[in-house]
N, C-alpha and C. Protein backbone atom coordinates (compact mmCIF):
# COMPACT_ATOMS: atom_id res chain seq x y z
N UNK A 1 40.14 19.92 -13.06
CA UNK A 1 41.17 19.28 -13.89
C UNK A 1 40.73 19.08 -15.28
N UNK A 2 41.57 19.28 -16.25
CA UNK A 2 41.23 18.99 -17.63
C UNK A 2 41.80 17.69 -18.13
N UNK A 3 40.90 16.82 -18.56
CA UNK A 3 41.29 15.42 -18.92
C UNK A 3 40.82 15.13 -20.38
N UNK A 4 41.49 14.15 -21.04
CA UNK A 4 41.12 13.58 -22.25
C UNK A 4 41.00 12.07 -22.04
N UNK A 5 39.96 11.53 -22.59
CA UNK A 5 39.83 10.08 -22.67
C UNK A 5 39.64 9.67 -24.14
N UNK A 6 40.65 8.86 -24.57
CA UNK A 6 40.61 8.43 -26.03
C UNK A 6 39.96 7.12 -26.13
N UNK A 7 38.81 7.09 -26.75
CA UNK A 7 38.02 5.87 -26.89
C UNK A 7 36.65 6.00 -26.10
N UNK A 8 35.55 5.80 -26.86
CA UNK A 8 34.27 6.01 -26.17
C UNK A 8 33.45 4.71 -26.14
N UNK A 9 34.12 3.67 -25.85
CA UNK A 9 33.48 2.39 -25.64
C UNK A 9 33.07 2.23 -24.16
N UNK A 10 32.93 0.98 -23.70
CA UNK A 10 32.61 0.72 -22.35
C UNK A 10 33.46 1.36 -21.32
N UNK A 11 34.74 1.24 -21.51
CA UNK A 11 35.73 1.81 -20.56
C UNK A 11 35.79 3.35 -20.69
N UNK A 12 35.97 3.79 -21.84
CA UNK A 12 36.21 5.28 -22.05
C UNK A 12 35.06 6.14 -21.73
N UNK A 13 33.94 5.72 -22.25
CA UNK A 13 32.76 6.56 -22.05
C UNK A 13 32.28 6.60 -20.55
N UNK A 14 32.35 5.49 -19.92
CA UNK A 14 31.96 5.39 -18.46
C UNK A 14 32.98 6.15 -17.63
N UNK A 15 34.29 5.97 -17.85
CA UNK A 15 35.30 6.70 -17.15
C UNK A 15 35.19 8.16 -17.38
N UNK A 16 35.09 8.63 -18.65
CA UNK A 16 35.05 10.05 -18.89
C UNK A 16 33.79 10.71 -18.27
N UNK A 17 32.66 9.98 -18.31
CA UNK A 17 31.46 10.52 -17.70
C UNK A 17 31.65 10.66 -16.21
N UNK A 18 32.15 9.68 -15.62
CA UNK A 18 32.35 9.72 -14.07
C UNK A 18 33.37 10.85 -13.74
N UNK A 19 34.40 11.02 -14.54
CA UNK A 19 35.31 12.12 -14.24
C UNK A 19 34.62 13.43 -14.29
N UNK A 20 33.78 13.59 -15.35
CA UNK A 20 32.98 14.87 -15.46
C UNK A 20 31.94 15.02 -14.36
N UNK A 21 31.37 13.97 -13.93
CA UNK A 21 30.37 14.01 -12.81
C UNK A 21 31.11 14.56 -11.51
N UNK A 22 32.35 14.32 -11.39
CA UNK A 22 33.07 14.96 -10.19
C UNK A 22 33.66 16.32 -10.47
N UNK A 23 33.22 16.96 -11.58
CA UNK A 23 33.53 18.39 -11.80
C UNK A 23 34.67 18.61 -12.74
N UNK A 24 35.23 17.58 -13.28
CA UNK A 24 36.41 17.71 -14.23
C UNK A 24 35.90 18.09 -15.61
N UNK A 25 36.68 18.85 -16.39
CA UNK A 25 36.46 19.10 -17.74
C UNK A 25 36.99 17.91 -18.63
N UNK A 26 36.19 17.18 -19.36
CA UNK A 26 36.60 16.01 -20.02
C UNK A 26 36.30 16.13 -21.47
N UNK A 27 37.34 15.74 -22.34
CA UNK A 27 37.22 15.60 -23.71
C UNK A 27 37.14 14.14 -24.03
N UNK A 28 36.04 13.51 -24.50
CA UNK A 28 36.08 12.18 -25.01
C UNK A 28 36.34 12.13 -26.45
N UNK A 29 37.35 11.50 -26.84
CA UNK A 29 37.79 11.44 -28.25
C UNK A 29 37.53 10.12 -28.88
N UNK A 30 37.10 10.06 -30.10
CA UNK A 30 36.95 8.81 -30.85
C UNK A 30 37.23 9.16 -32.36
N UNK A 31 37.70 8.15 -33.05
CA UNK A 31 37.90 8.37 -34.46
C UNK A 31 36.58 8.15 -35.30
N UNK A 32 35.56 7.60 -34.66
CA UNK A 32 34.31 7.28 -35.30
C UNK A 32 33.37 8.60 -35.24
N UNK A 33 33.41 9.30 -36.31
CA UNK A 33 32.56 10.50 -36.40
C UNK A 33 31.17 10.37 -36.21
N UNK A 34 30.54 9.19 -36.63
CA UNK A 34 29.17 8.85 -36.39
C UNK A 34 28.88 8.67 -34.95
N UNK A 35 29.76 7.99 -34.25
CA UNK A 35 29.54 7.77 -32.88
C UNK A 35 29.64 9.09 -32.10
N UNK A 36 30.54 9.92 -32.42
CA UNK A 36 30.68 11.22 -31.73
C UNK A 36 29.39 12.04 -32.01
N UNK A 37 28.91 12.13 -33.24
CA UNK A 37 27.67 12.85 -33.53
C UNK A 37 26.46 12.32 -32.72
N UNK A 38 26.40 11.00 -32.63
CA UNK A 38 25.29 10.41 -31.89
C UNK A 38 25.40 10.72 -30.39
N UNK A 39 26.63 10.69 -29.90
CA UNK A 39 26.77 11.06 -28.47
C UNK A 39 26.32 12.48 -28.19
N UNK A 40 26.70 13.34 -29.06
CA UNK A 40 26.28 14.80 -28.94
C UNK A 40 24.79 14.94 -29.05
N UNK A 41 24.12 13.99 -29.66
CA UNK A 41 22.64 13.99 -29.72
C UNK A 41 21.96 13.20 -28.54
N UNK A 42 22.82 12.70 -27.68
CA UNK A 42 22.28 12.00 -26.51
C UNK A 42 22.02 10.54 -26.71
N UNK A 43 22.55 9.89 -27.86
CA UNK A 43 22.35 8.50 -28.06
C UNK A 43 23.62 7.75 -27.52
N UNK A 44 23.31 6.82 -26.68
CA UNK A 44 24.41 6.01 -26.06
C UNK A 44 24.76 4.79 -26.86
N UNK A 45 26.06 4.59 -27.10
CA UNK A 45 26.51 3.38 -27.88
C UNK A 45 26.55 2.07 -27.03
N UNK A 46 26.38 2.26 -25.73
CA UNK A 46 26.36 1.10 -24.74
C UNK A 46 25.30 1.32 -23.76
N UNK A 47 24.93 0.30 -23.08
CA UNK A 47 24.05 0.47 -21.97
C UNK A 47 24.76 0.18 -20.59
N UNK A 48 24.57 1.16 -19.73
CA UNK A 48 25.02 1.08 -18.32
C UNK A 48 24.03 1.77 -17.49
N UNK A 49 23.37 1.19 -16.51
CA UNK A 49 22.38 1.87 -15.75
C UNK A 49 22.84 3.26 -15.26
N UNK A 50 21.99 4.27 -15.61
CA UNK A 50 22.20 5.68 -15.18
C UNK A 50 23.25 6.42 -16.07
N UNK A 51 23.89 5.77 -17.04
CA UNK A 51 24.96 6.44 -17.84
C UNK A 51 24.31 7.58 -18.69
N UNK A 52 23.20 7.29 -19.33
CA UNK A 52 22.58 8.24 -20.25
C UNK A 52 22.25 9.60 -19.48
N UNK A 53 21.75 9.44 -18.35
CA UNK A 53 21.32 10.61 -17.53
C UNK A 53 22.61 11.39 -17.13
N UNK A 54 23.69 10.70 -16.74
CA UNK A 54 24.97 11.34 -16.33
C UNK A 54 25.61 11.97 -17.55
N UNK A 55 25.67 11.31 -18.70
CA UNK A 55 26.19 11.90 -19.88
C UNK A 55 25.43 13.22 -20.25
N UNK A 56 24.14 13.14 -20.26
CA UNK A 56 23.32 14.31 -20.68
C UNK A 56 23.54 15.46 -19.73
N UNK A 57 23.53 15.20 -18.39
CA UNK A 57 23.73 16.20 -17.36
C UNK A 57 25.08 16.89 -17.53
N UNK A 58 26.17 16.17 -17.69
CA UNK A 58 27.50 16.73 -17.78
C UNK A 58 27.79 17.36 -19.13
N UNK A 59 27.12 16.84 -20.20
CA UNK A 59 27.27 17.47 -21.54
C UNK A 59 26.56 18.82 -21.54
N UNK A 60 25.30 18.83 -20.89
CA UNK A 60 24.61 20.13 -20.84
C UNK A 60 25.31 21.17 -20.04
N UNK A 61 25.97 20.69 -19.00
CA UNK A 61 26.70 21.60 -18.05
C UNK A 61 28.05 22.00 -18.57
N UNK A 62 28.48 21.52 -19.76
CA UNK A 62 29.69 21.91 -20.39
C UNK A 62 30.95 21.30 -19.84
N UNK A 63 30.72 20.14 -19.10
CA UNK A 63 31.91 19.45 -18.47
C UNK A 63 32.35 18.31 -19.34
N UNK A 64 31.47 17.81 -20.30
CA UNK A 64 31.85 16.65 -21.01
C UNK A 64 31.68 17.02 -22.50
N UNK A 65 32.74 16.76 -23.26
CA UNK A 65 32.86 17.18 -24.61
C UNK A 65 33.15 15.98 -25.53
N UNK A 66 32.51 15.85 -26.64
CA UNK A 66 32.70 14.75 -27.58
C UNK A 66 33.35 15.33 -28.82
N UNK A 67 34.44 14.69 -29.27
CA UNK A 67 35.16 15.26 -30.46
C UNK A 67 35.98 14.10 -31.12
N UNK A 68 36.33 14.45 -32.43
CA UNK A 68 37.28 13.56 -33.08
C UNK A 68 38.64 14.22 -33.13
N UNK A 69 38.76 15.46 -32.60
CA UNK A 69 39.96 16.33 -32.70
C UNK A 69 40.93 15.96 -31.46
N UNK A 70 41.77 14.89 -31.75
CA UNK A 70 42.72 14.50 -30.66
C UNK A 70 43.70 15.57 -30.33
N UNK A 71 44.22 16.29 -31.38
CA UNK A 71 45.23 17.34 -31.11
C UNK A 71 44.69 18.42 -30.13
N UNK A 72 43.53 18.92 -30.39
CA UNK A 72 42.94 19.92 -29.49
C UNK A 72 42.68 19.41 -28.10
N UNK A 73 42.20 18.18 -28.04
CA UNK A 73 41.96 17.59 -26.73
C UNK A 73 43.24 17.38 -25.90
N UNK A 74 44.29 16.86 -26.49
CA UNK A 74 45.52 16.58 -25.87
C UNK A 74 46.19 17.98 -25.40
N UNK A 75 46.16 18.90 -26.31
CA UNK A 75 46.82 20.15 -26.03
C UNK A 75 46.07 20.92 -24.89
N UNK A 76 44.80 20.62 -24.66
CA UNK A 76 44.05 21.33 -23.62
C UNK A 76 43.72 20.43 -22.34
N UNK A 77 44.55 19.52 -22.18
CA UNK A 77 44.40 18.54 -21.06
C UNK A 77 45.75 18.30 -20.34
N UNK A 78 45.67 18.05 -19.08
CA UNK A 78 46.88 17.65 -18.25
C UNK A 78 47.00 16.12 -18.24
N UNK A 79 45.90 15.39 -18.22
CA UNK A 79 45.97 13.92 -18.16
C UNK A 79 45.20 13.39 -19.37
N UNK A 80 45.86 12.35 -20.01
CA UNK A 80 45.28 11.71 -21.20
C UNK A 80 45.13 10.23 -20.82
N UNK A 81 43.89 9.72 -20.93
CA UNK A 81 43.67 8.30 -20.76
C UNK A 81 43.49 7.61 -22.10
N UNK A 82 44.17 6.46 -22.22
CA UNK A 82 43.97 5.66 -23.50
C UNK A 82 43.04 4.53 -23.05
N UNK A 83 41.91 4.48 -23.74
CA UNK A 83 40.83 3.52 -23.37
C UNK A 83 40.24 2.93 -24.70
N UNK A 84 41.15 2.45 -25.60
CA UNK A 84 40.79 1.94 -26.79
C UNK A 84 40.75 0.38 -26.76
N UNK A 85 40.05 -0.23 -27.68
CA UNK A 85 39.95 -1.69 -27.63
C UNK A 85 41.21 -2.38 -28.03
N UNK A 86 41.29 -3.58 -27.39
CA UNK A 86 42.40 -4.49 -27.67
C UNK A 86 41.86 -5.84 -28.05
N UNK A 87 41.32 -6.00 -29.26
CA UNK A 87 40.72 -7.23 -29.65
C UNK A 87 41.69 -8.32 -29.75
N UNK A 88 41.22 -9.57 -29.89
CA UNK A 88 42.08 -10.71 -30.05
C UNK A 88 42.79 -10.58 -31.37
N UNK A 89 44.06 -10.82 -31.33
CA UNK A 89 44.98 -10.64 -32.47
C UNK A 89 44.87 -11.91 -33.46
N UNK A 90 44.02 -12.87 -33.06
CA UNK A 90 43.96 -14.12 -33.90
C UNK A 90 44.83 -15.23 -33.42
N UNK A 91 45.70 -14.92 -32.51
CA UNK A 91 46.59 -15.98 -32.06
C UNK A 91 46.55 -16.03 -30.56
N UNK A 92 45.42 -15.52 -29.94
CA UNK A 92 45.24 -15.54 -28.51
C UNK A 92 45.88 -14.36 -27.81
N UNK A 93 46.74 -13.57 -28.54
CA UNK A 93 47.24 -12.42 -27.92
C UNK A 93 46.47 -11.11 -28.33
N UNK A 94 46.45 -10.19 -27.47
CA UNK A 94 45.71 -8.92 -27.85
C UNK A 94 46.36 -8.17 -29.04
N UNK A 95 45.58 -7.51 -29.87
CA UNK A 95 45.99 -6.67 -30.88
C UNK A 95 46.24 -5.28 -30.32
N UNK A 96 47.49 -4.87 -30.16
CA UNK A 96 47.79 -3.64 -29.48
C UNK A 96 48.01 -2.47 -30.38
N UNK A 97 47.75 -2.65 -31.68
CA UNK A 97 48.03 -1.62 -32.67
C UNK A 97 47.22 -0.31 -32.39
N UNK A 98 46.00 -0.42 -31.93
CA UNK A 98 45.20 0.73 -31.61
C UNK A 98 45.81 1.57 -30.39
N UNK A 99 46.21 0.81 -29.40
CA UNK A 99 46.86 1.42 -28.20
C UNK A 99 48.16 2.14 -28.63
N UNK A 100 48.97 1.47 -29.48
CA UNK A 100 50.27 1.97 -29.88
C UNK A 100 50.00 3.27 -30.73
N UNK A 101 49.03 3.20 -31.65
CA UNK A 101 48.78 4.33 -32.49
C UNK A 101 48.38 5.56 -31.66
N UNK A 102 47.42 5.35 -30.71
CA UNK A 102 46.99 6.54 -29.84
C UNK A 102 48.14 7.06 -29.14
N UNK A 103 49.04 6.13 -28.49
CA UNK A 103 50.27 6.65 -27.72
C UNK A 103 51.17 7.56 -28.69
N UNK A 104 51.37 7.08 -29.87
CA UNK A 104 52.12 7.84 -30.83
C UNK A 104 51.51 9.19 -31.18
N UNK A 105 50.20 9.04 -31.44
CA UNK A 105 49.46 10.37 -31.77
C UNK A 105 49.42 11.37 -30.62
N UNK A 106 49.33 10.84 -29.39
CA UNK A 106 49.34 11.68 -28.23
C UNK A 106 50.66 12.44 -28.14
N UNK A 107 51.78 11.63 -28.37
CA UNK A 107 53.10 12.18 -28.35
C UNK A 107 53.27 13.29 -29.36
N UNK A 108 52.74 13.07 -30.56
CA UNK A 108 52.85 14.08 -31.60
C UNK A 108 52.15 15.36 -31.35
N UNK A 109 51.07 15.32 -30.49
CA UNK A 109 50.28 16.47 -30.21
C UNK A 109 50.65 17.17 -28.89
N UNK A 110 51.42 16.58 -28.09
CA UNK A 110 51.72 17.17 -26.81
C UNK A 110 52.39 18.56 -26.93
N UNK A 111 51.95 19.42 -26.05
CA UNK A 111 52.48 20.79 -26.04
C UNK A 111 53.08 21.12 -24.69
N UNK A 112 53.47 20.11 -23.93
CA UNK A 112 54.02 20.33 -22.61
C UNK A 112 53.84 19.10 -21.81
N UNK A 113 54.01 19.28 -20.50
CA UNK A 113 53.92 18.14 -19.56
C UNK A 113 52.61 17.45 -19.60
N UNK A 114 52.48 16.14 -19.72
CA UNK A 114 51.28 15.40 -19.73
C UNK A 114 51.42 14.15 -18.94
N UNK A 115 50.36 13.66 -18.32
CA UNK A 115 50.39 12.39 -17.72
C UNK A 115 49.55 11.55 -18.58
N UNK A 116 50.12 10.38 -19.06
CA UNK A 116 49.44 9.47 -19.94
C UNK A 116 49.09 8.18 -19.17
N UNK A 117 47.83 7.81 -19.13
CA UNK A 117 47.31 6.69 -18.45
C UNK A 117 46.74 5.71 -19.41
N UNK A 118 47.19 4.42 -19.30
CA UNK A 118 46.62 3.34 -20.20
C UNK A 118 45.57 2.69 -19.40
N UNK A 119 44.29 2.77 -19.83
CA UNK A 119 43.17 2.04 -19.27
C UNK A 119 42.82 0.85 -20.21
N UNK A 120 43.46 0.76 -21.34
CA UNK A 120 43.15 -0.39 -22.22
C UNK A 120 43.72 -1.61 -21.66
N UNK A 121 43.09 -2.72 -21.94
CA UNK A 121 43.57 -4.09 -21.43
C UNK A 121 44.81 -4.43 -22.15
N UNK A 122 45.99 -4.41 -21.47
CA UNK A 122 47.28 -4.70 -22.07
C UNK A 122 48.11 -5.58 -21.12
N UNK A 123 48.71 -6.58 -21.63
CA UNK A 123 49.58 -7.43 -20.77
C UNK A 123 50.63 -6.60 -20.06
N UNK A 124 50.89 -6.87 -18.85
CA UNK A 124 51.85 -6.07 -18.04
C UNK A 124 53.24 -6.06 -18.85
N UNK A 125 53.63 -7.00 -19.40
CA UNK A 125 54.89 -7.09 -20.15
C UNK A 125 54.97 -6.09 -21.28
N UNK A 126 53.86 -5.60 -21.75
CA UNK A 126 53.81 -4.66 -22.92
C UNK A 126 53.75 -3.21 -22.46
N UNK A 127 53.62 -2.88 -21.23
CA UNK A 127 53.58 -1.46 -20.76
C UNK A 127 54.73 -0.67 -21.13
N UNK A 128 55.94 -1.28 -21.11
CA UNK A 128 57.16 -0.47 -21.52
C UNK A 128 57.13 -0.18 -22.93
N UNK A 129 56.59 -1.04 -23.78
CA UNK A 129 56.46 -0.79 -25.19
C UNK A 129 55.59 0.42 -25.49
N UNK A 130 54.50 0.41 -24.77
CA UNK A 130 53.49 1.58 -24.93
C UNK A 130 54.16 2.84 -24.40
N UNK A 131 54.81 2.83 -23.33
CA UNK A 131 55.51 4.05 -22.74
C UNK A 131 56.54 4.58 -23.70
N UNK A 132 57.09 3.82 -24.56
CA UNK A 132 58.12 4.22 -25.47
C UNK A 132 57.62 4.91 -26.70
N UNK A 133 56.31 4.79 -26.90
CA UNK A 133 55.68 5.25 -28.11
C UNK A 133 55.58 6.78 -28.24
N UNK A 134 55.11 7.52 -27.21
CA UNK A 134 54.96 9.00 -27.39
C UNK A 134 56.27 9.59 -27.57
N UNK A 135 56.43 10.40 -28.63
CA UNK A 135 57.63 11.12 -28.98
C UNK A 135 57.31 12.51 -29.08
N UNK A 136 58.10 13.43 -28.37
CA UNK A 136 58.03 14.81 -28.51
C UNK A 136 58.74 15.35 -29.67
N UNK A 137 58.07 16.06 -30.60
CA UNK A 137 58.74 16.46 -31.82
C UNK A 137 59.88 17.41 -31.51
N UNK A 138 61.04 17.25 -32.10
CA UNK A 138 62.16 18.13 -31.88
C UNK A 138 63.08 18.05 -33.09
N UNK A 139 63.98 19.03 -33.20
CA UNK A 139 64.91 19.06 -34.28
C UNK A 139 66.31 18.64 -34.01
N UNK A 140 66.71 18.61 -32.73
CA UNK A 140 68.04 18.26 -32.34
C UNK A 140 68.03 17.64 -30.98
N UNK A 141 69.20 16.88 -30.68
CA UNK A 141 69.30 16.32 -29.37
C UNK A 141 69.32 17.34 -28.27
N UNK A 142 69.91 18.59 -28.50
CA UNK A 142 69.93 19.64 -27.54
C UNK A 142 68.53 20.13 -27.26
N UNK A 143 67.78 20.23 -28.32
CA UNK A 143 66.40 20.70 -28.12
C UNK A 143 65.59 19.58 -27.39
N UNK A 144 65.88 18.31 -27.72
CA UNK A 144 65.19 17.26 -27.02
C UNK A 144 65.41 17.25 -25.53
N UNK A 145 66.70 17.45 -25.11
CA UNK A 145 66.99 17.43 -23.68
C UNK A 145 66.41 18.62 -22.96
N UNK A 146 66.29 19.75 -23.60
CA UNK A 146 65.86 21.00 -22.98
C UNK A 146 64.29 21.17 -23.07
N UNK A 147 63.58 20.60 -24.02
CA UNK A 147 62.22 20.90 -24.18
C UNK A 147 61.27 19.70 -24.03
N UNK A 148 61.83 18.49 -24.02
CA UNK A 148 60.90 17.30 -24.00
C UNK A 148 60.16 17.22 -22.68
N UNK A 149 58.84 17.18 -22.78
CA UNK A 149 58.02 17.05 -21.59
C UNK A 149 58.17 15.69 -20.93
N UNK A 150 57.98 15.57 -19.68
CA UNK A 150 58.00 14.37 -18.99
C UNK A 150 56.72 13.57 -19.28
N UNK A 151 56.94 12.27 -19.47
CA UNK A 151 55.72 11.38 -19.71
C UNK A 151 55.79 10.35 -18.58
N UNK A 152 54.74 10.23 -17.79
CA UNK A 152 54.66 9.27 -16.68
C UNK A 152 53.63 8.24 -17.00
N UNK A 153 53.92 7.07 -16.70
CA UNK A 153 52.96 5.97 -16.85
C UNK A 153 52.68 5.33 -15.51
């Protein structure tokens, strides 16, 4: 299976590495170019027992890829996981701007049917808001109804 995991922090890097360990082709995407370069060099941004060995093994076997190119990753995957941070918004509620931005960007780059999975920490009441973010680009309502891929959450 071809997967994309957006976010290479504790949740995304561990999830992506485990998916690759089970034989899946995984693109781990992050906007931080320095972090991606370091991952390609075998430097881990986090510590988790056994993670470095698993990352190196799967990277060397060509199952785990690190990139900043979200469009390429989305277009070459069936399942896209959102695993970006949701820091405190200052008022006790999580700041969901990162999750919303990723959902919008994924929608912009979709080239067909995709399954979008949210692994970011988000209040249950906000899931519908995130699900409404991806938009399939189209020029008319007729084109929308005939070509829009299905998005499942």
